[in-house]
Structures are given as C-alpha cells and as structure tokens.
Amino acid sequence: MIYKNRYRGLLISNLLLLLLGCTDPVANAPDVPKPLLSTPEYLFGNHVASMDTRAWTGLWDRAQPHFDGLTLTRWALSTDTDWQSLKTYYDTQLPEKDGWAWDSRFSHAQAGYAWSFARSRHGEIVIVVGLKPAHQEGGKVPVNIITNLKPSS
C-alpha cells in the first residue's frame, strides 16, 4: 500500500514537471535598439503629434482584442537612420527558431506617412511604428513600441 501511494505521488510530480517544462516562459522584451533615442519629454509639435497618435492608436486598437497587457513606450529616431535597421534588429532578437513570426496584421505598408512592423508568438507581440522622414522635426521622427512583453532588466 505504501509503495502504491509513493508510485502515484512520483507519477503525478513527474507529470507536473513535464507539463511545466513544456510551456514557453513569458519573454522579456529585447533591449531597445541603439538608434532609438530616449525622450524624457515629447519632442514634437501638434502636427507631428497628431500623425504619430493616429499611427500608433490604429495599431493599438487592432492589437488589443488579441493581446493582453499592452504597453506603449515612446522614442525618437534620427532621420539619417533607416528604420529597416530596426526591423533587422528585431528579426535577430525575436527569431523564427523561437517561434516568432512577422505579423502583417499590424503593418502600415500602405500609409503614406508612417511605417510599422510586428513580430508575434503565442499571445506575445512587439509592434514598432514610426513616422516617415518627411514628417521630421529637428532631424528626428517619433517611434513607438507597443508590446506585452516584460521590460528587460
């Protein structure tokens, strides 16, 4: 009788360990790419701010029904930096081998004033959206990161 209960307990604990080991841990957000500049205050005037808000809120509204716990952080990007370098950075930080994929639902490919891209995986998302260089102020454009990943430490 004692051996039977021990066997059951051992079997249950092994199954729990197996199940817990198969779940993906919640990912930390990658470090912010070097080209993005921290902005303690919003650097842009009303016209650029209006376009910026329109760009990120449209994506936020599309993402919110599908992803819990979204946050937004604001950055600036020098207009002499190609935003495609950010896409390359996130491609290496959130690789396909770990289950990440480009998510075209969150693209501003047709917008004349903004660009965006997103990578998602099993309920996790990173969306990067910014204005095109034609809408710069002071040689910078706003860039926003929408994500539900934990901030990296």
N, C-alpha and C. Protein backbone atom coordinates (compact mmCIF):
# COMPACT_ATOMS: atom_id res chain seq x y z
N MET A 1 0.82 -1.20 0.00
CA MET A 1 0.00 0.00 0.00
C MET A 1 0.86 1.26 0.00
N ILE A 2 1.91 1.26 0.83
CA ILE A 2 2.81 2.42 0.90
C ILE A 2 3.48 2.64 -0.45
N TYR A 3 3.93 1.57 -1.09
CA TYR A 3 4.62 1.68 -2.37
C TYR A 3 3.68 2.20 -3.46
N LYS A 4 2.40 1.79 -3.38
CA LYS A 4 1.42 2.22 -4.36
C LYS A 4 1.22 3.73 -4.27
N ASN A 5 1.10 4.28 -3.06
CA ASN A 5 0.91 5.72 -2.87
C ASN A 5 2.15 6.50 -3.30
N ARG A 6 3.34 5.95 -2.99
CA ARG A 6 4.58 6.61 -3.41
C ARG A 6 4.68 6.65 -4.93
N TYR A 7 4.30 5.53 -5.54
CA TYR A 7 4.34 5.45 -7.01
C TYR A 7 3.40 6.48 -7.63
N ARG A 8 2.19 6.59 -7.08
CA ARG A 8 1.23 7.58 -7.57
C ARG A 8 1.77 8.99 -7.40
N GLY A 9 2.32 9.29 -6.24
CA GLY A 9 2.88 10.62 -5.97
C GLY A 9 4.03 10.95 -6.91
N LEU A 10 4.89 9.97 -7.14
CA LEU A 10 6.02 10.15 -8.04
C LEU A 10 5.54 10.37 -9.47
N LEU A 11 4.54 9.62 -9.89
CA LEU A 11 3.99 9.76 -11.22
C LEU A 11 3.36 11.14 -11.42
N ILE A 12 2.59 11.60 -10.46
CA ILE A 12 1.95 12.92 -10.54
C ILE A 12 2.99 14.03 -10.56
N SER A 13 4.00 13.95 -9.71
CA SER A 13 5.02 15.00 -9.69
C SER A 13 5.80 15.03 -11.00
N ASN A 14 6.10 13.86 -11.58
CA ASN A 14 6.80 13.83 -12.87
C ASN A 14 5.95 14.42 -13.99
N LEU A 15 4.65 14.12 -13.98
CA LEU A 15 3.76 14.69 -14.99
C LEU A 15 3.69 16.21 -14.87
N LEU A 16 3.61 16.71 -13.65
CA LEU A 16 3.59 18.16 -13.45
C LEU A 16 4.88 18.81 -13.95
N LEU A 17 6.00 18.21 -13.64
CA LEU A 17 7.27 18.74 -14.13
C LEU A 17 7.33 18.74 -15.65
N LEU A 18 6.84 17.69 -16.26
CA LEU A 18 6.82 17.60 -17.71
C LEU A 18 5.94 18.69 -18.31
N LEU A 19 4.74 18.88 -17.75
CA LEU A 19 3.84 19.91 -18.26
C LEU A 19 4.41 21.31 -18.08
N LEU A 20 4.99 21.58 -16.93
CA LEU A 20 5.57 22.89 -16.69
C LEU A 20 6.77 23.14 -17.59
N GLY A 21 7.52 22.12 -17.87
CA GLY A 21 8.69 22.26 -18.73
C GLY A 21 8.33 22.50 -20.18
N CYS A 22 7.11 22.17 -20.59
CA CYS A 22 6.71 22.32 -21.99
C CYS A 22 6.10 23.68 -22.29
N THR A 23 5.82 24.49 -21.28
CA THR A 23 5.22 25.79 -21.55
C THR A 23 6.32 26.82 -21.77
N ASP A 24 6.06 27.71 -22.72
CA ASP A 24 7.02 28.77 -23.00
C ASP A 24 6.98 29.79 -21.87
N PRO A 25 8.13 30.21 -21.36
CA PRO A 25 8.13 31.26 -20.36
C PRO A 25 7.77 32.58 -21.03
N VAL A 26 7.22 33.51 -20.25
CA VAL A 26 6.93 34.83 -20.80
C VAL A 26 8.25 35.49 -21.13
N ALA A 27 8.38 35.93 -22.35
CA ALA A 27 9.64 36.51 -22.81
C ALA A 27 9.83 37.90 -22.26
N ASN A 28 11.09 38.26 -22.09
CA ASN A 28 11.43 39.64 -21.80
C ASN A 28 11.55 40.38 -23.11
N ALA A 29 11.19 41.65 -23.09
CA ALA A 29 11.36 42.47 -24.29
C ALA A 29 12.85 42.60 -24.59
N PRO A 30 13.22 42.58 -25.85
CA PRO A 30 14.62 42.81 -26.19
C PRO A 30 15.04 44.20 -25.74
N ASP A 31 16.32 44.40 -25.54
CA ASP A 31 16.81 45.74 -25.25
C ASP A 31 16.40 46.66 -26.39
N VAL A 32 16.21 47.93 -26.07
CA VAL A 32 15.85 48.90 -27.10
C VAL A 32 17.03 49.07 -28.04
N PRO A 33 16.79 49.03 -29.34
CA PRO A 33 17.90 49.17 -30.30
C PRO A 33 18.63 50.49 -30.15
N LYS A 34 19.92 50.47 -30.39
CA LYS A 34 20.77 51.65 -30.21
C LYS A 34 20.29 52.89 -30.97
N PRO A 35 19.76 52.77 -32.19
CA PRO A 35 19.38 54.00 -32.90
C PRO A 35 18.24 54.78 -32.25
N LEU A 36 17.45 54.11 -31.38
CA LEU A 36 16.33 54.82 -30.76
C LEU A 36 16.83 55.68 -29.61
N LEU A 37 16.32 56.90 -29.58
CA LEU A 37 16.74 57.88 -28.58
C LEU A 37 15.64 58.03 -27.54
N SER A 38 16.04 57.99 -26.28
CA SER A 38 15.10 58.20 -25.19
C SER A 38 14.67 59.66 -25.19
N THR A 39 13.39 59.89 -24.94
CA THR A 39 12.88 61.26 -24.92
C THR A 39 12.13 61.50 -23.61
N PRO A 40 12.77 62.19 -22.65
CA PRO A 40 12.08 62.43 -21.39
C PRO A 40 10.82 63.28 -21.58
N GLU A 41 10.82 64.15 -22.58
CA GLU A 41 9.64 64.93 -22.93
C GLU A 41 9.33 64.68 -24.40
N TYR A 42 8.08 64.78 -24.75
CA TYR A 42 7.70 64.59 -26.14
C TYR A 42 8.28 65.74 -26.96
N LEU A 43 9.03 65.43 -27.99
CA LEU A 43 9.81 66.41 -28.74
C LEU A 43 9.07 67.08 -29.88
N PHE A 44 7.87 66.67 -30.18
CA PHE A 44 7.26 67.05 -31.44
C PHE A 44 6.06 67.96 -31.25
N GLY A 45 5.83 68.80 -32.25
CA GLY A 45 4.71 69.75 -32.23
C GLY A 45 3.38 69.08 -32.57
N ASN A 46 2.34 69.91 -32.61
CA ASN A 46 0.97 69.40 -32.77
C ASN A 46 0.75 68.61 -34.06
N HIS A 47 1.28 69.08 -35.18
CA HIS A 47 1.05 68.40 -36.45
C HIS A 47 1.66 67.00 -36.44
N VAL A 48 2.93 66.90 -36.05
CA VAL A 48 3.60 65.60 -36.00
C VAL A 48 2.96 64.73 -34.91
N ALA A 49 2.62 65.32 -33.78
CA ALA A 49 1.99 64.56 -32.69
C ALA A 49 0.67 63.95 -33.14
N SER A 50 -0.09 64.69 -33.94
CA SER A 50 -1.36 64.18 -34.45
C SER A 50 -1.15 62.98 -35.36
N MET A 51 -0.19 63.05 -36.28
CA MET A 51 0.10 61.92 -37.17
C MET A 51 0.63 60.74 -36.37
N ASP A 52 1.50 61.02 -35.39
CA ASP A 52 2.07 59.97 -34.55
C ASP A 52 0.96 59.23 -33.81
N THR A 53 0.07 59.98 -33.19
CA THR A 53 -1.03 59.38 -32.43
C THR A 53 -1.92 58.54 -33.34
N ARG A 54 -2.20 59.06 -34.52
CA ARG A 54 -3.03 58.31 -35.48
C ARG A 54 -2.35 57.00 -35.87
N ALA A 55 -1.03 57.04 -36.03
CA ALA A 55 -0.29 55.84 -36.45
C ALA A 55 -0.33 54.76 -35.37
N TRP A 56 0.00 55.11 -34.13
CA TRP A 56 0.08 54.05 -33.11
C TRP A 56 -1.28 53.64 -32.57
N THR A 57 -2.25 54.57 -32.49
CA THR A 57 -3.55 54.18 -31.93
C THR A 57 -4.29 53.21 -32.84
N GLY A 58 -4.12 53.35 -34.15
CA GLY A 58 -4.76 52.40 -35.06
C GLY A 58 -4.24 50.99 -34.84
N LEU A 59 -2.95 50.86 -34.62
CA LEU A 59 -2.35 49.54 -34.36
C LEU A 59 -2.74 49.03 -32.98
N TRP A 60 -2.74 49.92 -32.00
CA TRP A 60 -3.15 49.55 -30.64
C TRP A 60 -4.57 48.97 -30.66
N ASP A 61 -5.47 49.68 -31.35
CA ASP A 61 -6.86 49.23 -31.41
C ASP A 61 -7.00 47.88 -32.11
N ARG A 62 -6.17 47.61 -33.11
CA ARG A 62 -6.20 46.31 -33.78
C ARG A 62 -5.62 45.21 -32.90
N ALA A 63 -4.59 45.53 -32.11
CA ALA A 63 -3.90 44.52 -31.30
C ALA A 63 -4.65 44.19 -30.01
N GLN A 64 -5.30 45.17 -29.42
CA GLN A 64 -5.89 44.99 -28.10
C GLN A 64 -6.85 43.79 -27.98
N PRO A 65 -7.69 43.50 -28.96
CA PRO A 65 -8.56 42.32 -28.79
C PRO A 65 -7.80 40.98 -28.80
N HIS A 66 -6.58 40.98 -29.31
CA HIS A 66 -5.82 39.73 -29.46
C HIS A 66 -4.72 39.53 -28.42
N PHE A 67 -4.26 40.61 -27.78
CA PHE A 67 -3.10 40.53 -26.88
C PHE A 67 -3.40 41.28 -25.59
N ASP A 68 -3.21 40.61 -24.46
CA ASP A 68 -3.44 41.22 -23.14
C ASP A 68 -2.21 41.99 -22.69
N GLY A 69 -2.42 42.99 -21.83
CA GLY A 69 -1.33 43.67 -21.13
C GLY A 69 -0.44 44.54 -22.00
N LEU A 70 -1.00 45.18 -23.02
CA LEU A 70 -0.19 46.02 -23.90
C LEU A 70 0.33 47.26 -23.19
N THR A 71 1.54 47.65 -23.52
CA THR A 71 2.12 48.91 -23.05
C THR A 71 2.70 49.64 -24.25
N LEU A 72 2.86 50.95 -24.11
CA LEU A 72 3.43 51.79 -25.16
C LEU A 72 4.61 52.55 -24.59
N THR A 73 5.73 52.54 -25.30
CA THR A 73 6.86 53.39 -24.94
C THR A 73 7.19 54.25 -26.15
N ARG A 74 7.57 55.51 -25.88
CA ARG A 74 7.84 56.49 -26.93
C ARG A 74 9.34 56.73 -27.05
N TRP A 75 9.78 56.83 -28.30
CA TRP A 75 11.18 57.06 -28.60
C TRP A 75 11.28 58.04 -29.77
N ALA A 76 12.49 58.38 -30.12
CA ALA A 76 12.74 59.20 -31.30
C ALA A 76 13.82 58.52 -32.12
N LEU A 77 13.78 58.73 -33.42
CA LEU A 77 14.74 58.15 -34.34
C LEU A 77 15.28 59.25 -35.24
N SER A 78 16.59 59.33 -35.37
CA SER A 78 17.21 60.29 -36.26
C SER A 78 16.81 59.96 -37.69
N THR A 79 16.53 60.97 -38.48
CA THR A 79 16.09 60.72 -39.85
C THR A 79 17.21 60.19 -40.74
N ASP A 80 18.45 60.26 -40.28
CA ASP A 80 19.53 59.67 -41.09
C ASP A 80 19.72 58.17 -40.79
N THR A 81 18.86 57.60 -39.96
CA THR A 81 18.87 56.16 -39.66
C THR A 81 17.71 55.50 -40.40
N ASP A 82 18.01 54.47 -41.16
CA ASP A 82 16.97 53.75 -41.89
C ASP A 82 16.17 52.89 -40.92
N TRP A 83 14.86 53.05 -40.92
CA TRP A 83 14.03 52.28 -39.99
C TRP A 83 14.10 50.78 -40.26
N GLN A 84 14.53 50.38 -41.46
CA GLN A 84 14.68 48.96 -41.75
C GLN A 84 15.73 48.30 -40.84
N SER A 85 16.68 49.12 -40.34
CA SER A 85 17.68 48.57 -39.41
C SER A 85 17.00 48.11 -38.11
N LEU A 86 15.91 48.76 -37.73
CA LEU A 86 15.15 48.32 -36.55
C LEU A 86 14.49 46.97 -36.82
N LYS A 87 13.97 46.82 -38.03
CA LYS A 87 13.34 45.56 -38.41
C LYS A 87 14.36 44.42 -38.37
N THR A 88 15.55 44.68 -38.87
CA THR A 88 16.61 43.68 -38.84
C THR A 88 16.98 43.32 -37.40
N TYR A 89 17.07 44.34 -36.54
CA TYR A 89 17.39 44.12 -35.13
C TYR A 89 16.36 43.18 -34.48
N TYR A 90 15.08 43.49 -34.66
CA TYR A 90 14.04 42.66 -34.03
C TYR A 90 13.98 41.27 -34.65
N ASP A 91 14.35 41.15 -35.91
CA ASP A 91 14.40 39.84 -36.56
C ASP A 91 15.44 38.95 -35.88
N THR A 92 16.55 39.53 -35.46
CA THR A 92 17.58 38.73 -34.78
C THR A 92 17.26 38.52 -33.30
N GLN A 93 16.59 39.47 -32.67
CA GLN A 93 16.27 39.35 -31.24
C GLN A 93 15.06 38.45 -30.97
N LEU A 94 14.15 38.38 -31.93
CA LEU A 94 12.94 37.55 -31.79
C LEU A 94 12.90 36.59 -32.99
N PRO A 95 13.78 35.57 -32.98
CA PRO A 95 13.97 34.73 -34.16
C PRO A 95 12.86 33.70 -34.38
N GLU A 96 12.75 33.29 -35.63
CA GLU A 96 11.78 32.26 -36.01
C GLU A 96 12.02 30.96 -35.26
N LYS A 97 13.29 30.63 -35.00
CA LYS A 97 13.59 29.37 -34.31
C LYS A 97 12.97 29.32 -32.92
N ASP A 98 12.66 30.50 -32.34
CA ASP A 98 11.99 30.55 -31.04
C ASP A 98 10.48 30.73 -31.17
N GLY A 99 9.97 30.59 -32.39
CA GLY A 99 8.53 30.67 -32.60
C GLY A 99 8.00 32.03 -33.01
N TRP A 100 8.86 33.02 -33.15
CA TRP A 100 8.44 34.37 -33.54
C TRP A 100 8.23 34.43 -35.05
N ALA A 101 7.26 35.23 -35.47
CA ALA A 101 6.98 35.40 -36.90
C ALA A 101 6.54 36.83 -37.17
N TRP A 102 6.77 37.29 -38.40
CA TRP A 102 6.27 38.60 -38.80
C TRP A 102 4.76 38.53 -38.82
N ASP A 103 4.12 39.57 -38.30
CA ASP A 103 2.66 39.61 -38.21
C ASP A 103 2.15 40.77 -39.05
N SER A 104 1.69 40.46 -40.26
CA SER A 104 1.31 41.50 -41.21
C SER A 104 0.01 42.21 -40.85
N ARG A 105 -0.71 41.73 -39.85
CA ARG A 105 -1.93 42.43 -39.43
C ARG A 105 -1.64 43.82 -38.89
N PHE A 106 -0.38 44.05 -38.50
CA PHE A 106 -0.03 45.31 -37.85
C PHE A 106 0.98 46.09 -38.69
N SER A 107 0.68 46.22 -39.96
CA SER A 107 1.58 46.89 -40.89
C SER A 107 0.93 48.15 -41.44
N HIS A 108 1.73 49.20 -41.55
CA HIS A 108 1.31 50.44 -42.20
C HIS A 108 1.90 50.50 -43.61
N ALA A 109 1.96 49.36 -44.27
CA ALA A 109 2.61 49.29 -45.58
C ALA A 109 2.00 50.27 -46.58
N GLN A 110 0.72 50.53 -46.49
CA GLN A 110 0.06 51.40 -47.46
C GLN A 110 -0.03 52.86 -47.00
N ALA A 111 0.32 53.14 -45.77
CA ALA A 111 0.20 54.51 -45.26
C ALA A 111 1.30 55.39 -45.85
N GLY A 112 0.94 56.58 -46.27
CA GLY A 112 1.92 57.48 -46.84
C GLY A 112 2.77 58.20 -45.80
N TYR A 113 2.35 58.18 -44.55
CA TYR A 113 3.02 58.98 -43.52
C TYR A 113 3.75 58.14 -42.47
N ALA A 114 3.49 56.84 -42.38
CA ALA A 114 4.04 56.02 -41.29
C ALA A 114 4.50 54.67 -41.82
N TRP A 115 5.32 54.01 -41.01
CA TRP A 115 5.76 52.64 -41.26
C TRP A 115 5.54 51.86 -39.97
N SER A 116 5.45 50.56 -40.08
CA SER A 116 5.35 49.72 -38.88
C SER A 116 5.68 48.28 -39.25
N PHE A 117 6.00 47.52 -38.23
CA PHE A 117 6.19 46.08 -38.37
C PHE A 117 5.91 45.45 -37.02
N ALA A 118 5.63 44.16 -37.05
CA ALA A 118 5.32 43.45 -35.80
C ALA A 118 5.83 42.02 -35.88
N ARG A 119 6.22 41.51 -34.70
CA ARG A 119 6.57 40.10 -34.54
C ARG A 119 5.69 39.58 -33.41
N SER A 120 5.14 38.39 -33.62
CA SER A 120 4.29 37.81 -32.58
C SER A 120 4.57 36.33 -32.42
N ARG A 121 4.13 35.84 -31.24
CA ARG A 121 4.32 34.42 -30.90
C ARG A 121 3.37 34.08 -29.75
N HIS A 122 2.50 33.13 -29.96
CA HIS A 122 1.67 32.56 -28.88
C HIS A 122 1.16 33.60 -27.88
N GLY A 123 0.48 34.62 -28.33
CA GLY A 123 -0.08 35.62 -27.43
C GLY A 123 0.88 36.73 -27.02
N GLU A 124 2.09 36.72 -27.58
CA GLU A 124 3.06 37.78 -27.29
C GLU A 124 3.27 38.61 -28.56
N ILE A 125 3.52 39.89 -28.39
CA ILE A 125 3.62 40.78 -29.55
C ILE A 125 4.62 41.91 -29.30
N VAL A 126 5.29 42.30 -30.36
CA VAL A 126 6.10 43.53 -30.37
C VAL A 126 5.74 44.24 -31.67
N ILE A 127 5.21 45.46 -31.55
CA ILE A 127 4.88 46.28 -32.71
C ILE A 127 5.75 47.53 -32.62
N VAL A 128 6.41 47.87 -33.71
CA VAL A 128 7.21 49.10 -33.78
C VAL A 128 6.60 49.96 -34.88
N VAL A 129 6.28 51.20 -34.56
CA VAL A 129 5.62 52.10 -35.51
C VAL A 129 6.24 53.49 -35.42
N GLY A 130 6.49 54.09 -36.56
CA GLY A 130 7.07 55.43 -36.59
C GLY A 130 6.63 56.20 -37.82
N LEU A 131 6.96 57.48 -37.81
CA LEU A 131 6.64 58.32 -38.96
C LEU A 131 7.79 58.30 -39.96
N LYS A 132 7.46 58.52 -41.21
CA LYS A 132 8.47 58.56 -42.27
C LYS A 132 9.26 59.87 -42.15
N PRO A 133 10.51 59.87 -42.65
CA PRO A 133 11.39 61.04 -42.50
C PRO A 133 10.81 62.36 -43.02
N ALA A 134 9.91 62.32 -43.97
CA ALA A 134 9.32 63.56 -44.49
C ALA A 134 8.59 64.34 -43.39
N HIS A 135 8.25 63.67 -42.30
CA HIS A 135 7.48 64.31 -41.22
C HIS A 135 8.35 64.58 -39.99
N GLN A 136 9.61 64.83 -40.22
CA GLN A 136 10.56 65.04 -39.13
C GLN A 136 10.44 66.45 -38.55
N GLU A 137 10.89 66.56 -37.33
CA GLU A 137 11.09 67.85 -36.66
C GLU A 137 12.44 67.78 -35.99
N GLY A 138 13.30 68.72 -36.31
CA GLY A 138 14.63 68.74 -35.71
C GLY A 138 15.47 67.54 -36.08
N GLY A 139 15.23 66.96 -37.25
CA GLY A 139 16.02 65.81 -37.69
C GLY A 139 15.63 64.49 -37.03
N LYS A 140 14.47 64.48 -36.37
CA LYS A 140 14.01 63.27 -35.67
C LYS A 140 12.54 63.01 -36.00
N VAL A 141 12.17 61.73 -35.91
CA VAL A 141 10.77 61.34 -36.04
C VAL A 141 10.39 60.51 -34.82
N PRO A 142 9.10 60.53 -34.44
CA PRO A 142 8.67 59.70 -33.31
C PRO A 142 8.58 58.23 -33.71
N VAL A 143 8.95 57.36 -32.77
CA VAL A 143 8.83 55.91 -32.92
C VAL A 143 8.21 55.39 -31.62
N ASN A 144 7.29 54.47 -31.76
CA ASN A 144 6.61 53.90 -30.59
C ASN A 144 6.73 52.38 -30.62
N ILE A 145 6.88 51.80 -29.44
CA ILE A 145 6.91 50.34 -29.31
C ILE A 145 5.70 49.93 -28.47
N ILE A 146 4.87 49.08 -29.07
CA ILE A 146 3.72 48.51 -28.39
C ILE A 146 4.07 47.04 -28.12
N THR A 147 3.96 46.62 -26.87
CA THR A 147 4.29 45.23 -26.55
C THR A 147 3.58 44.78 -25.29
N ASN A 148 3.51 43.48 -25.12
CA ASN A 148 3.03 42.91 -23.86
C ASN A 148 4.13 42.07 -23.20
N LEU A 149 5.35 42.23 -23.68
CA LEU A 149 6.49 41.53 -23.06
C LEU A 149 6.94 42.29 -21.81
N LYS A 150 7.50 41.56 -20.88
CA LYS A 150 8.05 42.19 -19.68
C LYS A 150 9.26 43.04 -20.08
N PRO A 151 9.42 44.21 -19.46
CA PRO A 151 10.61 45.02 -19.76
C PRO A 151 11.88 44.24 -19.43
N SER A 152 12.90 44.39 -20.27
CA SER A 152 14.17 43.73 -19.96
C SER A 152 14.83 44.47 -18.80
N SER A 153 15.59 43.72 -18.03
CA SER A 153 16.20 44.35 -16.85
C SER A 153 17.53 44.97 -17.15
